Amino acid sequence: MIRIKFEWQKEKYKIAVISILLAIACFFIYYFHIALKTDLVFTHFFYIPIILASLWWKRKGLVVAIFLSTLLILTHIFFEEHVACVNDYLRASMFIVIAFVVGTLTERSSKTERTLRETRDYLEKLLNYANAPIIVWDTAFRIIRFNQAFERLTGYTTDEVIGKKLHMLFPEASRDQSLRKIARTMSGEYWKLVEIPILQKDGDIRFVLWNSANIYADDGTTLLTTIAQGTDITKRKQVEEKRRKTVERFRKVIENIFQFVPEGLLVFTDKLNLFKNNKSFQDVVKKYSTKLNYTEQELAEIIIEEVKNRITNEDHTEIRISKKE
């Protein structure tokens, strides 16, 4: 409502200015054409209301040019019959042409500005309301943009970080490494899923995967800013760490069972490649290799091969190995 009122105030101001200028133009026409009955050039003043009207109202400003042109020609016809009006026809034509050109250019310029403004507003909203945290920094590593998702990620408000150095966002333990990664973006490097920890306002640490892009000046070489978009993977890393610890704990349990079980054990892969054997198996091979006249390696290979054959053939009979002659 306030904006509409302000626009109407501006419009009333424009109408008042054009009305005053038109009144002055009418006075000039009366004074020179009717009072003095002269063809003295005074119409340069007409360009002021014509151009202003075209700038303010685009091609609708042609109305002012047509009004002045018509008034100029009519007063010449009725009050200066003895003077040729060719010059006034030319001037009137110029008024209309100039008003049309200025109005058309202004209209195109306004459309371009409107398109740019709409694009800017769209990108602004896209950046501010995106679900992913987005940050923009300049060549001095100062933060210049910080969206709402980044506020939720860090606990900082935009006002708290704008103009501050990037290092405030990194844990001390990994700060130097993170800043080195950021410095490499200055030479044109782009991030693709680069993991950089982020320090929250309350001291907690979040792990974020980043993608980045550089924004250059019109010359294509002068770096202006870098924009980065992140994905918070903290929960995923916590789940992965918990799974890793669980797997490690079970691995140690199985390893202990495997090592200390009294029977010899062999573990094969799905392609029947030997994966592991336990100490009891090694003791059996060592005990009987001498009695059967085999080296430990030979006897182990024979046993492993026999086991593989029985697995393949689903043969559950015992393995008998003859003494080597």
C-alpha atoms as a PDB file:
ATOM      1  CA  MET A   1       0.000   0.000   0.000  1.00  0.00           C
ATOM      2  CA  ILE A   2       2.819   2.401   0.887  1.00  0.00           C
ATOM      3  CA  ARG A   3       4.613   1.518  -2.364  1.00  0.00           C
ATOM      4  CA  ILE A   4       1.482   2.209  -4.440  1.00  0.00           C
ATOM      5  CA  LYS A   5       1.050   5.562  -2.717  1.00  0.00           C
ATOM      6  CA  PHE A   6       4.687   6.443  -3.372  1.00  0.00           C
ATOM      7  CA  GLU A   7       4.379   5.515  -7.054  1.00  0.00           C
ATOM      8  CA  TRP A   8       1.261   7.665  -7.394  1.00  0.00           C
ATOM      9  CA  GLN A   9       3.087  10.615  -5.786  1.00  0.00           C
ATOM     10  CA  LYS A  10       5.887  10.208  -8.340  1.00  0.00           C
ATOM     11  CA  GLU A  11       3.347  10.073 -11.175  1.00  0.00           C
ATOM     12  CA  LYS A  12       1.627  13.269  -9.981  1.00  0.00           C
ATOM     13  CA  TYR A  13       5.025  14.963  -9.858  1.00  0.00           C
ATOM     14  CA  LYS A  14       5.762  13.946 -13.468  1.00  0.00           C
ATOM     15  CA  ILE A  15       2.362  15.150 -14.671  1.00  0.00           C
ATOM     16  CA  ALA A  16       2.869  18.484 -12.913  1.00  0.00           C
ATOM     17  CA  VAL A  17       6.317  19.001 -14.471  1.00  0.00           C
ATOM     18  CA  ILE A  18       5.110  18.139 -18.003  1.00  0.00           C
ATOM     19  CA  SER A  19       2.042  20.403 -17.539  1.00  0.00           C
ATOM     20  CA  ILE A  20       4.234  23.361 -16.564  1.00  0.00           C
ATOM     21  CA  LEU A  21       6.574  22.765 -19.519  1.00  0.00           C
ATOM     22  CA  LEU A  22       3.634  22.470 -21.919  1.00  0.00           C
ATOM     23  CA  ALA A  23       2.192  25.715 -20.557  1.00  0.00           C
ATOM     24  CA  ILE A  24       5.532  27.439 -21.207  1.00  0.00           C
ATOM     25  CA  ALA A  25       5.628  25.951 -24.735  1.00  0.00           C
ATOM     26  CA  CYS A  26       2.099  27.213 -25.392  1.00  0.00           C
ATOM     27  CA  PHE A  27       3.136  30.670 -24.202  1.00  0.00           C
ATOM     28  CA  PHE A  28       6.111  30.634 -26.622  1.00  0.00           C
ATOM     29  CA  ILE A  29       3.828  29.662 -29.498  1.00  0.00           C
ATOM     30  CA  TYR A  30       1.383  32.435 -28.624  1.00  0.00           C
ATOM     31  CA  TYR A  31       4.080  35.034 -28.137  1.00  0.00           C
ATOM     32  CA  PHE A  32       6.109  34.325 -31.268  1.00  0.00           C
ATOM     33  CA  HIS A  33       3.383  33.191 -33.698  1.00  0.00           C
ATOM     34  CA  ILE A  34       0.426  35.311 -32.610  1.00  0.00           C
ATOM     35  CA  ALA A  35       1.823  38.340 -30.810  1.00  0.00           C
ATOM     36  CA  LEU A  36       5.038  38.914 -32.794  1.00  0.00           C
ATOM     37  CA  LYS A  37       3.892  37.047 -35.948  1.00  0.00           C
ATOM     38  CA  THR A  38       7.451  35.869 -36.532  1.00  0.00           C
ATOM     39  CA  ASP A  39       9.052  32.597 -37.549  1.00  0.00           C
ATOM     40  CA  LEU A  40      11.917  33.026 -35.111  1.00  0.00           C
ATOM     41  CA  VAL A  41      13.213  29.695 -33.923  1.00  0.00           C
ATOM     42  CA  PHE A  42      12.006  29.045 -30.364  1.00  0.00           C
ATOM     43  CA  THR A  43      11.050  25.389 -30.618  1.00  0.00           C
ATOM     44  CA  HIS A  44      14.298  24.044 -29.159  1.00  0.00           C
ATOM     45  CA  PHE A  45      12.573  24.340 -25.809  1.00  0.00           C
ATOM     46  CA  PHE A  46       9.962  21.791 -26.983  1.00  0.00           C
ATOM     47  CA  TYR A  47      12.525  19.005 -26.838  1.00  0.00           C
ATOM     48  CA  ILE A  48      12.590  19.213 -23.045  1.00  0.00           C
ATOM     49  CA  PRO A  49       8.951  18.094 -22.400  1.00  0.00           C
ATOM     50  CA  ILE A  50       9.069  15.734 -25.395  1.00  0.00           C
ATOM     51  CA  ILE A  51      12.170  13.870 -24.187  1.00  0.00           C
ATOM     52  CA  LEU A  52      11.062  13.865 -20.534  1.00  0.00           C
ATOM     53  CA  ALA A  53       7.637  12.472 -21.466  1.00  0.00           C
ATOM     54  CA  SER A  54       9.268   9.765 -23.607  1.00  0.00           C
ATOM     55  CA  LEU A  55      11.666   8.811 -20.803  1.00  0.00           C
ATOM     56  CA  TRP A  56       8.925   8.660 -18.194  1.00  0.00           C
ATOM     57  CA  TRP A  57       6.050   7.144 -20.212  1.00  0.00           C
ATOM     58  CA  LYS A  58       7.950   5.424 -23.061  1.00  0.00           C
ATOM     59  CA  ARG A  59       6.033   5.494 -26.355  1.00  0.00           C
ATOM     60  CA  LYS A  60       3.003   6.943 -24.627  1.00  0.00           C
ATOM     61  CA  GLY A  61       5.088  10.126 -24.464  1.00  0.00           C
ATOM     62  CA  LEU A  62       4.354  10.532 -28.203  1.00  0.00           C
ATOM     63  CA  VAL A  63       1.140  12.277 -27.111  1.00  0.00           C
ATOM     64  CA  VAL A  64       3.180  15.284 -25.947  1.00  0.00           C
ATOM     65  CA  ALA A  65       5.131  15.438 -29.226  1.00  0.00           C
ATOM     66  CA  ILE A  66       1.940  15.150 -31.301  1.00  0.00           C
ATOM     67  CA  PHE A  67       0.212  17.828 -29.213  1.00  0.00           C
ATOM     68  CA  LEU A  68       3.072  20.336 -29.622  1.00  0.00           C
ATOM     69  CA  SER A  69       3.520  19.518 -33.312  1.00  0.00           C
ATOM     70  CA  THR A  70      -0.186  19.987 -34.017  1.00  0.00           C
ATOM     71  CA  LEU A  71      -0.338  23.224 -32.024  1.00  0.00           C
ATOM     72  CA  LEU A  72       2.758  24.572 -33.787  1.00  0.00           C
ATOM     73  CA  ILE A  73       1.411  23.862 -37.287  1.00  0.00           C
ATOM     74  CA  LEU A  74      -2.144  25.106 -36.585  1.00  0.00           C
ATOM     75  CA  THR A  75      -0.992  28.432 -35.160  1.00  0.00           C
ATOM     76  CA  HIS A  76       1.299  28.873 -38.136  1.00  0.00           C
ATOM     77  CA  ILE A  77      -1.528  28.183 -40.588  1.00  0.00           C
ATOM     78  CA  PHE A  78      -4.042  30.494 -38.918  1.00  0.00           C
ATOM     79  CA  PHE A  79      -1.793  33.339 -37.772  1.00  0.00           C
ATOM     80  CA  GLU A  80       1.177  33.383 -40.185  1.00  0.00           C
ATOM     81  CA  GLU A  81      -0.388  32.808 -43.613  1.00  0.00           C
ATOM     82  CA  HIS A  82       2.243  35.013 -45.244  1.00  0.00           C
ATOM     83  CA  VAL A  83       5.130  32.835 -44.038  1.00  0.00           C
ATOM     84  CA  ALA A  84       5.912  29.381 -45.496  1.00  0.00           C
ATOM     85  CA  CYS A  85       5.353  26.665 -42.874  1.00  0.00           C
ATOM     86  CA  VAL A  86       7.766  24.085 -44.347  1.00  0.00           C
ATOM     87  CA  ASN A  87      10.178  24.585 -41.471  1.00  0.00           C
ATOM     88  CA  ASP A  88       7.461  23.991 -38.906  1.00  0.00           C
ATOM     89  CA  TYR A  89       6.447  20.790 -40.700  1.00  0.00           C
ATOM     90  CA  LEU A  90      10.054  19.623 -40.494  1.00  0.00           C
ATOM     91  CA  ARG A  91      10.280  20.568 -36.836  1.00  0.00           C
ATOM     92  CA  ALA A  92       7.005  18.784 -36.067  1.00  0.00           C
ATOM     93  CA  SER A  93       8.264  15.684 -37.846  1.00  0.00           C
ATOM     94  CA  MET A  94      11.488  15.794 -35.825  1.00  0.00           C
ATOM     95  CA  PHE A  95       9.493  16.096 -32.591  1.00  0.00           C
ATOM     96  CA  ILE A  96       7.529  12.948 -33.394  1.00  0.00           C
ATOM     97  CA  VAL A  97      10.576  10.999 -34.618  1.00  0.00           C
ATOM     98  CA  ILE A  98      12.655  11.887 -31.561  1.00  0.00           C
ATOM     99  CA  ALA A  99       9.767  11.070 -29.216  1.00  0.00           C
ATOM    100  CA  PHE A 100       9.292   7.698 -30.947  1.00  0.00           C
ATOM    101  CA  VAL A 101      13.008   6.817 -30.847  1.00  0.00           C
ATOM    102  CA  VAL A 102      13.497   7.874 -27.225  1.00  0.00           C
ATOM    103  CA  GLY A 103      10.262   6.152 -26.158  1.00  0.00           C
ATOM    104  CA  THR A 104      11.178   2.923 -27.966  1.00  0.00           C
ATOM    105  CA  LEU A 105      14.710   2.849 -26.535  1.00  0.00           C
ATOM    106  CA  THR A 106      13.396   3.607 -23.047  1.00  0.00           C
ATOM    107  CA  GLU A 107      10.803   0.856 -23.369  1.00  0.00           C
ATOM    108  CA  ARG A 108      13.410  -1.682 -24.428  1.00  0.00           C
ATOM    109  CA  SER A 109      15.721  -0.553 -21.653  1.00  0.00           C
ATOM    110  CA  SER A 110      12.897  -0.920 -19.127  1.00  0.00           C
ATOM    111  CA  LYS A 111      12.119  -4.431 -20.371  1.00  0.00           C
ATOM    112  CA  THR A 112      15.791  -5.373 -20.058  1.00  0.00           C
ATOM    113  CA  GLU A 113      15.970  -3.908 -16.554  1.00  0.00           C
ATOM    114  CA  ARG A 114      12.771  -5.707 -15.596  1.00  0.00           C
ATOM    115  CA  THR A 115      14.126  -9.009 -16.921  1.00  0.00           C
ATOM    116  CA  LEU A 116      17.397  -8.506 -15.063  1.00  0.00           C
ATOM    117  CA  ARG A 117      15.527  -7.568 -11.901  1.00  0.00           C
ATOM    118  CA  GLU A 118      13.286 -10.631 -12.161  1.00  0.00           C
ATOM    119  CA  THR A 119      16.328 -12.855 -12.762  1.00  0.00           C
ATOM    120  CA  ARG A 120      18.139 -11.286  -9.832  1.00  0.00           C
ATOM    121  CA  ASP A 121      15.105 -11.712  -7.565  1.00  0.00           C
ATOM    122  CA  TYR A 122      14.719 -15.326  -8.668  1.00  0.00           C
ATOM    123  CA  LEU A 123      18.373 -16.120  -7.978  1.00  0.00           C
ATOM    124  CA  GLU A 124      18.162 -14.248  -4.672  1.00  0.00           C
ATOM    125  CA  LYS A 125      15.223 -16.350  -3.534  1.00  0.00           C
ATOM    126  CA  LEU A 126      16.804 -19.521  -4.879  1.00  0.00           C
ATOM    127  CA  LEU A 127      19.964 -18.828  -2.890  1.00  0.00           C
ATOM    128  CA  ASN A 128      18.239 -17.720   0.312  1.00  0.00           C
ATOM    129  CA  TYR A 129      15.629 -20.463   0.478  1.00  0.00           C
ATOM    130  CA  ALA A 130      17.637 -23.398  -0.897  1.00  0.00           C
ATOM    131  CA  ASN A 131      17.738 -26.437   1.395  1.00  0.00           C
ATOM    132  CA  ALA A 132      21.480 -26.790   0.887  1.00  0.00           C
ATOM    133  CA  PRO A 133      23.869 -24.463   2.742  1.00  0.00           C
ATOM    134  CA  ILE A 134      25.368 -21.920   0.312  1.00  0.00           C
ATOM    135  CA  ILE A 135      28.169 -19.454   1.018  1.00  0.00           C
ATOM    136  CA  VAL A 136      29.928 -16.857  -1.165  1.00  0.00           C
ATOM    137  CA  TRP A 137      33.314 -15.301  -0.427  1.00  0.00           C
ATOM    138  CA  ASP A 138      35.488 -12.743  -2.207  1.00  0.00           C
ATOM    139  CA  THR A 139      39.166 -12.836  -3.147  1.00  0.00           C
ATOM    140  CA  ALA A 140      40.143 -11.658   0.353  1.00  0.00           C
ATOM    141  CA  PHE A 141      38.311 -14.694   1.822  1.00  0.00           C
ATOM    142  CA  ARG A 142      35.638 -12.480   3.350  1.00  0.00           C
ATOM    143  CA  ILE A 143      32.109 -13.865   3.537  1.00  0.00           C
ATOM    144  CA  ILE A 144      29.718 -11.837   1.376  1.00  0.00           C
ATOM    145  CA  ARG A 145      26.675 -14.164   1.163  1.00  0.00           C
ATOM    146  CA  PHE A 146      25.312 -16.678   3.629  1.00  0.00           C
ATOM    147  CA  ASN A 147      21.931 -18.339   3.104  1.00  0.00           C
ATOM    148  CA  GLN A 148      19.362 -19.550   5.620  1.00  0.00           C
ATOM    149  CA  ALA A 149      20.421 -23.191   5.326  1.00  0.00           C
ATOM    150  CA  PHE A 150      23.944 -22.134   6.295  1.00  0.00           C
ATOM    151  CA  GLU A 151      22.496 -20.284   9.281  1.00  0.00           C
ATOM    152  CA  ARG A 152      20.824 -23.520  10.390  1.00  0.00           C
ATOM    153  CA  LEU A 153      24.034 -25.467   9.795  1.00  0.00           C
ATOM    154  CA  THR A 154      26.289 -23.197  11.859  1.00  0.00           C
ATOM    155  CA  GLY A 155      23.974 -21.442  14.300  1.00  0.00           C
ATOM    156  CA  TYR A 156      25.292 -18.051  13.119  1.00  0.00           C
ATOM    157  CA  THR A 157      22.999 -15.393  11.667  1.00  0.00           C
ATOM    158  CA  THR A 158      23.867 -13.647   8.420  1.00  0.00           C
ATOM    159  CA  ASP A 159      24.626 -10.394  10.219  1.00  0.00           C
ATOM    160  CA  GLU A 160      27.162 -12.175  12.428  1.00  0.00           C
ATOM    161  CA  VAL A 161      29.287 -13.457   9.539  1.00  0.00           C
ATOM    162  CA  ILE A 162      28.960 -11.009   6.620  1.00  0.00           C
ATOM    163  CA  GLY A 163      32.323  -9.292   6.128  1.00  0.00           C
ATOM    164  CA  LYS A 164      34.122 -11.735   8.438  1.00  0.00           C
ATOM    165  CA  LYS A 165      37.005 -14.002   7.404  1.00  0.00           C
ATOM    166  CA  LEU A 166      36.260 -17.608   6.468  1.00  0.00           C
ATOM    167  CA  HIS A 167      38.560 -19.096   9.098  1.00  0.00           C
ATOM    168  CA  MET A 168      35.908 -18.489  11.788  1.00  0.00           C
ATOM    169  CA  LEU A 169      33.894 -21.372  10.288  1.00  0.00           C
ATOM    170  CA  PHE A 170      36.586 -24.049  10.644  1.00  0.00           C
ATOM    171  CA  PRO A 171      37.675 -26.121  13.656  1.00  0.00           C
ATOM    172  CA  GLU A 172      41.173 -25.258  14.816  1.00  0.00           C
ATOM    173  CA  ALA A 173      42.482 -28.794  14.235  1.00  0.00           C
ATOM    174  CA  SER A 174      41.619 -28.737  10.502  1.00  0.00           C
ATOM    175  CA  ARG A 175      41.626 -24.966   9.891  1.00  0.00           C
ATOM    176  CA  ASP A 176      44.949 -24.742   8.045  1.00  0.00           C
ATOM    177  CA  GLN A 177      44.083 -27.677   5.803  1.00  0.00           C
ATOM    178  CA  SER A 178      40.659 -26.191   5.009  1.00  0.00           C
ATOM    179  CA  LEU A 179      42.158 -22.778   4.204  1.00  0.00           C
ATOM    180  CA  ARG A 180      44.696 -24.416   1.861  1.00  0.00           C
ATOM    181  CA  LYS A 181      41.842 -26.077  -0.015  1.00  0.00           C
ATOM    182  CA  ILE A 182      40.064 -22.729  -0.268  1.00  0.00           C
ATOM    183  CA  ALA A 183      43.242 -21.001  -1.460  1.00  0.00           C
ATOM    184  CA  ARG A 184      43.459 -23.455  -4.362  1.00  0.00           C
ATOM    185  CA  THR A 185      40.109 -22.183  -5.652  1.00  0.00           C
ATOM    186  CA  MET A 186      41.861 -18.859  -6.354  1.00  0.00           C
ATOM    187  CA  SER A 187      43.858 -20.565  -9.104  1.00  0.00           C
ATOM    188  CA  GLY A 188      40.717 -21.860 -10.801  1.00  0.00           C
ATOM    189  CA  GLU A 189      40.267 -25.172  -8.992  1.00  0.00           C
ATOM    190  CA  TYR A 190      36.683 -26.336  -8.529  1.00  0.00           C
ATOM    191  CA  TRP A 191      35.542 -28.450  -5.643  1.00  0.00           C
ATOM    192  CA  LYS A 192      33.707 -31.649  -6.370  1.00  0.00           C
ATOM    193  CA  LEU A 193      32.573 -33.371  -3.192  1.00  0.00           C
ATOM    194  CA  VAL A 194      35.407 -32.017  -1.077  1.00  0.00           C
ATOM    195  CA  GLU A 195      34.919 -32.766   2.612  1.00  0.00           C
ATOM    196  CA  ILE A 196      35.533 -29.798   4.926  1.00  0.00           C
ATOM    197  CA  PRO A 197      34.478 -29.767   8.613  1.00  0.00           C
ATOM    198  CA  ILE A 198      32.449 -26.749   9.776  1.00  0.00           C
ATOM    199  CA  LEU A 199      32.586 -25.315  13.287  1.00  0.00           C
ATOM    200  CA  GLN A 200      29.207 -24.421  14.738  1.00  0.00           C
ATOM    201  CA  LYS A 201      28.617 -21.444  16.978  1.00  0.00           C
ATOM    202  CA  ASP A 202      28.127 -23.728  19.990  1.00  0.00           C
ATOM    203  CA  GLY A 203      31.441 -25.505  19.323  1.00  0.00           C
ATOM    204  CA  ASP A 204      30.081 -28.679  17.717  1.00  0.00           C
ATOM    205  CA  ILE A 205      31.566 -29.847  14.413  1.00  0.00           C
ATOM    206  CA  ARG A 206      29.596 -30.773  11.308  1.00  0.00           C
ATOM    207  CA  PHE A 207      31.043 -32.622   8.338  1.00  0.00           C
ATOM    208  CA  VAL A 208      30.066 -31.185   4.960  1.00  0.00           C
ATOM    209  CA  LEU A 209      30.745 -32.192   1.345  1.00  0.00           C
ATOM    210  CA  TRP A 210      31.306 -29.116  -0.825  1.00  0.00           C
ATOM    211  CA  ASN A 211      30.974 -28.228  -4.509  1.00  0.00           C
ATOM    212  CA  SER A 212      32.266 -24.846  -5.638  1.00  0.00           C
ATOM    213  CA  ALA A 213      32.331 -22.556  -8.666  1.00  0.00           C
ATOM    214  CA  ASN A 214      34.233 -19.353  -9.405  1.00  0.00           C
ATOM    215  CA  ILE A 215      32.583 -16.168 -10.691  1.00  0.00           C
ATOM    216  CA  TYR A 216      34.714 -14.004 -12.986  1.00  0.00           C
ATOM    217  CA  ALA A 217      34.520 -10.452 -14.304  1.00  0.00           C
ATOM    218  CA  ASP A 218      33.570  -9.687 -17.915  1.00  0.00           C
ATOM    219  CA  ASP A 219      37.159 -10.303 -19.047  1.00  0.00           C
ATOM    220  CA  GLY A 220      36.788 -13.951 -18.040  1.00  0.00           C
ATOM    221  CA  THR A 221      40.046 -13.997 -16.076  1.00  0.00           C
ATOM    222  CA  THR A 222      39.596 -11.662 -13.103  1.00  0.00           C
ATOM    223  CA  LEU A 223      38.176 -13.664 -10.211  1.00  0.00           C
ATOM    224  CA  LEU A 224      35.415 -11.860  -8.313  1.00  0.00           C
ATOM    225  CA  THR A 225      33.897 -14.376  -5.929  1.00  0.00           C
ATOM    226  CA  THR A 226      33.629 -18.078  -5.183  1.00  0.00           C
ATOM    227  CA  ILE A 227      30.312 -19.746  -4.410  1.00  0.00           C
ATOM    228  CA  ALA A 228      30.126 -23.081  -2.597  1.00  0.00           C
ATOM    229  CA  GLN A 229      27.208 -25.394  -1.904  1.00  0.00           C
ATOM    230  CA  GLY A 230      27.395 -28.045   0.772  1.00  0.00           C
ATOM    231  CA  THR A 231      25.723 -31.272   1.868  1.00  0.00           C
ATOM    232  CA  ASP A 232      25.752 -32.067   5.575  1.00  0.00           C
ATOM    233  CA  ILE A 233      26.992 -35.663   5.943  1.00  0.00           C
ATOM    234  CA  THR A 234      27.486 -35.614   9.716  1.00  0.00           C
ATOM    235  CA  LYS A 235      24.753 -38.161  10.445  1.00  0.00           C
ATOM    236  CA  ARG A 236      26.007 -40.410   7.659  1.00  0.00           C
ATOM    237  CA  LYS A 237      29.543 -40.297   9.042  1.00  0.00           C
ATOM    238  CA  GLN A 238      28.248 -41.048  12.530  1.00  0.00           C
ATOM    239  CA  VAL A 239      26.350 -44.070  11.220  1.00  0.00           C
ATOM    240  CA  GLU A 240      29.407 -45.214   9.242  1.00  0.00           C
ATOM    241  CA  GLU A 241      31.657 -44.810  12.294  1.00  0.00           C
ATOM    242  CA  LYS A 242      29.225 -46.745  14.474  1.00  0.00           C
ATOM    243  CA  ARG A 243      29.057 -49.503  11.846  1.00  0.00           C
ATOM    244  CA  ARG A 244      32.835 -49.580  11.566  1.00  0.00           C
ATOM    245  CA  LYS A 245      33.259 -49.956  15.312  1.00  0.00           C
ATOM    246  CA  THR A 246      30.635 -52.705  15.401  1.00  0.00           C
ATOM    247  CA  VAL A 247      32.320 -54.580  12.556  1.00  0.00           C
ATOM    248  CA  GLU A 248      35.705 -54.149  14.211  1.00  0.00           C
ATOM    249  CA  ARG A 249      34.381 -55.454  17.523  1.00  0.00           C
ATOM    250  CA  PHE A 250      32.859 -58.546  15.900  1.00  0.00           C
ATOM    251  CA  ARG A 251      35.973 -59.061  13.831  1.00  0.00           C
ATOM    252  CA  LYS A 252      38.102 -59.196  16.962  1.00  0.00           C
ATOM    253  CA  VAL A 253      35.696 -61.633  18.603  1.00  0.00           C
ATOM    254  CA  ILE A 254      35.692 -63.905  15.560  1.00  0.00           C
ATOM    255  CA  GLU A 255      39.453 -63.560  15.254  1.00  0.00           C
ATOM    256  CA  ASN A 256      39.907 -64.742  18.840  1.00  0.00           C
ATOM    257  CA  ILE A 257      37.547 -67.649  18.324  1.00  0.00           C
ATOM    258  CA  PHE A 258      39.241 -68.523  15.056  1.00  0.00           C
ATOM    259  CA  GLN A 259      42.717 -68.498  16.550  1.00  0.00           C
ATOM    260  CA  PHE A 260      42.021 -70.487  19.683  1.00  0.00           C
ATOM    261  CA  VAL A 261      39.539 -73.127  18.501  1.00  0.00           C
ATOM    262  CA  PRO A 262      41.243 -76.578  18.845  1.00  0.00           C
ATOM    263  CA  GLU A 263      40.232 -77.845  15.385  1.00  0.00           C
ATOM    264  CA  GLY A 264      41.992 -76.807  12.217  1.00  0.00           C
ATOM    265  CA  LEU A 265      39.959 -74.247  10.233  1.00  0.00           C
ATOM    266  CA  LEU A 266      40.164 -73.090   6.625  1.00  0.00           C
ATOM    267  CA  VAL A 267      38.246 -70.097   5.253  1.00  0.00           C
ATOM    268  CA  PHE A 268      37.667 -69.763   1.501  1.00  0.00           C
ATOM    269  CA  THR A 269      36.257 -66.971  -0.648  1.00  0.00           C
ATOM    270  CA  ASP A 270      33.221 -67.516  -2.877  1.00  0.00           C
ATOM    271  CA  LYS A 271      35.671 -68.445  -5.658  1.00  0.00           C
ATOM    272  CA  LEU A 272      37.366 -71.025  -3.423  1.00  0.00           C
ATOM    273  CA  ASN A 273      40.507 -69.014  -2.921  1.00  0.00           C
ATOM    274  CA  LEU A 274      42.018 -69.537   0.511  1.00  0.00           C
ATOM    275  CA  PHE A 275      41.272 -66.538   2.685  1.00  0.00           C
ATOM    276  CA  LYS A 276      42.540 -67.622   6.092  1.00  0.00           C
ATOM    277  CA  ASN A 277      43.673 -70.607   8.171  1.00  0.00           C
ATOM    278  CA  ASN A 278      44.065 -70.855  11.908  1.00  0.00           C
ATOM    279  CA  LYS A 279      46.902 -71.898  14.227  1.00  0.00           C
ATOM    280  CA  SER A 280      45.444 -75.359  14.838  1.00  0.00           C
ATOM    281  CA  PHE A 281      45.603 -76.103  11.106  1.00  0.00           C
ATOM    282  CA  GLN A 282      49.202 -74.930  10.981  1.00  0.00           C
ATOM    283  CA  ASP A 283      50.038 -77.165  13.977  1.00  0.00           C
ATOM    284  CA  VAL A 284      48.450 -80.190  12.272  1.00  0.00           C
ATOM    285  CA  VAL A 285      50.475 -79.566   9.110  1.00  0.00           C
ATOM    286  CA  LYS A 286      53.675 -79.142  11.118  1.00  0.00           C
ATOM    287  CA  LYS A 287      53.017 -82.324  13.136  1.00  0.00           C
ATOM    288  CA  TYR A 288      52.275 -84.639  10.206  1.00  0.00           C
ATOM    289  CA  SER A 289      54.476 -83.204   7.461  1.00  0.00           C
ATOM    290  CA  THR A 290      57.561 -84.984   8.807  1.00  0.00           C
ATOM    291  CA  LYS A 291      55.704 -88.277   9.424  1.00  0.00           C
ATOM    292  CA  LEU A 292      54.336 -88.267   5.868  1.00  0.00           C
ATOM    293  CA  ASN A 293      57.660 -87.147   4.301  1.00  0.00           C
ATOM    294  CA  TYR A 294      56.234 -83.805   3.028  1.00  0.00           C
ATOM    295  CA  THR A 295      57.360 -80.274   3.576  1.00  0.00           C
ATOM    296  CA  GLU A 296      54.886 -78.156   5.506  1.00  0.00           C
ATOM    297  CA  GLN A 297      54.018 -76.182   2.367  1.00  0.00           C
ATOM    298  CA  GLU A 298      53.451 -79.348   0.298  1.00  0.00           C
ATOM    299  CA  LEU A 299      51.194 -80.922   2.888  1.00  0.00           C
ATOM    300  CA  ALA A 300      49.228 -77.720   3.364  1.00  0.00           C
ATOM    301  CA  GLU A 301      48.664 -77.421  -0.390  1.00  0.00           C
ATOM    302  CA  ILE A 302      47.507 -81.049  -0.642  1.00  0.00           C
ATOM    303  CA  ILE A 303      45.030 -80.629   2.199  1.00  0.00           C
ATOM    304  CA  ILE A 304      43.692 -77.350   0.817  1.00  0.00           C
ATOM    305  CA  GLU A 305      43.254 -78.848  -2.644  1.00  0.00           C
ATOM    306  CA  GLU A 306      41.415 -81.878  -1.226  1.00  0.00           C
ATOM    307  CA  VAL A 307      39.103 -79.634   0.765  1.00  0.00           C
ATOM    308  CA  LYS A 308      38.325 -77.529  -2.296  1.00  0.00           C
ATOM    309  CA  ASN A 309      37.498 -80.661  -4.330  1.00  0.00           C
ATOM    310  CA  ARG A 310      35.133 -81.885  -1.650  1.00  0.00           C
ATOM    311  CA  ILE A 311      33.415 -78.517  -1.462  1.00  0.00           C
ATOM    312  CA  THR A 312      32.965 -78.474  -5.223  1.00  0.00           C
ATOM    313  CA  ASN A 313      31.638 -82.053  -5.310  1.00  0.00           C
ATOM    314  CA  GLU A 314      29.697 -81.700  -2.042  1.00  0.00           C
ATOM    315  CA  ASP A 315      31.652 -84.658  -0.739  1.00  0.00           C
ATOM    316  CA  HIS A 316      31.637 -84.948   3.049  1.00  0.00           C
ATOM    317  CA  THR A 317      33.963 -87.956   3.400  1.00  0.00           C
ATOM    318  CA  GLU A 318      37.150 -87.709   5.385  1.00  0.00           C
ATOM    319  CA  ILE A 319      40.457 -86.801   3.774  1.00  0.00           C
ATOM    320  CA  ARG A 320      43.154 -89.488   3.717  1.00  0.00           C
ATOM    321  CA  ILE A 321      46.697 -88.614   2.705  1.00  0.00           C
ATOM    322  CA  SER A 322      49.204 -91.330   1.930  1.00  0.00           C
ATOM    323  CA  LYS A 323      52.814 -91.225   3.021  1.00  0.00           C
ATOM    324  CA  LYS A 324      55.145 -89.837   0.392  1.00  0.00           C
ATOM    325  CA  GLU A 325      57.502 -92.477  -1.019  1.00  0.00           C
END
